[in-house]
């Protein structure tokens, strides 16, 4: 599952940004694959309970399923 899919199915950008302690704009950047460090990807994976996996940020759309 991608971060965008997770947010659309489970929360809002505003709520997810608050959970991470980030701005809405920053979460939108993450959703576009921008500004992603290893620590940010790990933080997103933890915050989603593993629903969003690191592989979803790389490669083909099939990797996100």
Protein backbone atom coordinates (compact mmCIF):
# COMPACT_ATOMS: atom_id res chain seq x y z
CA UNK A 1 0.00 0.00 0.00
CA UNK A 2 1.29 3.45 -0.83
CA UNK A 3 1.29 6.33 1.62
CA UNK A 4 -1.30 8.09 -0.51
CA UNK A 5 -3.57 5.02 -0.44
CA UNK A 6 -3.12 4.68 3.31
CA UNK A 7 -4.05 8.29 3.97
CA UNK A 8 -7.09 8.14 1.68
CA UNK A 9 -8.33 4.94 3.35
CA UNK A 10 -7.48 5.54 7.00
CA UNK A 11 -6.93 9.19 7.90
CA UNK A 12 -6.42 12.70 6.55
CA UNK A 13 -3.26 14.47 5.49
CA UNK A 14 -3.76 16.88 8.39
CA UNK A 15 -4.10 14.11 10.97
CA UNK A 16 -1.17 12.12 9.56
CA UNK A 17 1.01 15.22 9.52
CA UNK A 18 0.15 15.84 13.18
CA UNK A 19 0.99 12.22 14.02
CA UNK A 20 4.43 12.62 12.44
CA UNK A 21 4.94 16.12 13.79
CA UNK A 22 5.31 17.42 10.22
CA UNK A 23 3.49 19.98 8.11
CA UNK A 24 0.76 19.06 5.65
CA UNK A 25 3.04 20.31 2.87
CA UNK A 26 5.78 17.94 3.98
CA UNK A 27 3.41 14.96 4.00
CA UNK A 28 2.32 15.88 0.47
CA UNK A 29 6.01 15.85 -0.52
CA UNK A 30 6.36 12.38 1.00
CA UNK A 31 3.31 11.25 -0.96
CA UNK A 32 5.04 12.42 -4.17
CA UNK A 33 8.22 10.59 -3.17
CA UNK A 34 10.14 13.76 -2.36
CA UNK A 35 12.43 14.41 0.64
CA UNK A 36 12.39 10.79 1.74
CA UNK A 37 15.28 9.72 3.91
CA UNK A 38 15.66 6.26 5.40
CA UNK A 39 14.58 7.59 8.80
CA UNK A 40 11.45 9.22 7.34
CA UNK A 41 10.48 6.02 5.55
CA UNK A 42 10.96 4.06 8.78
CA UNK A 43 8.86 6.62 10.67
CA UNK A 44 6.05 6.37 8.12
CA UNK A 45 6.11 2.57 8.25
CA UNK A 46 5.88 2.62 12.06
CA UNK A 47 3.12 5.25 12.05
CA UNK A 48 1.03 3.12 9.68
CA UNK A 49 1.57 -0.07 11.65
CA UNK A 50 3.41 -1.57 8.70
CA UNK A 51 0.58 -1.02 6.23
CA UNK A 52 2.95 1.17 4.21
CA UNK A 53 6.15 -0.78 3.59
CA UNK A 54 9.52 0.66 2.55
CA UNK A 55 9.28 -1.06 -0.83
CA UNK A 56 6.22 1.04 -1.67
CA UNK A 57 8.47 4.08 -2.07
CA UNK A 58 10.59 2.42 -4.76
CA UNK A 59 10.15 0.66 -8.05
CA UNK A 60 7.02 -0.38 -9.82
CA UNK A 61 3.40 0.05 -8.72
CA UNK A 62 3.32 -3.69 -8.00
CA UNK A 63 5.82 -3.10 -5.20
CA UNK A 64 3.22 -1.05 -3.36
CA UNK A 65 0.57 -3.76 -3.30
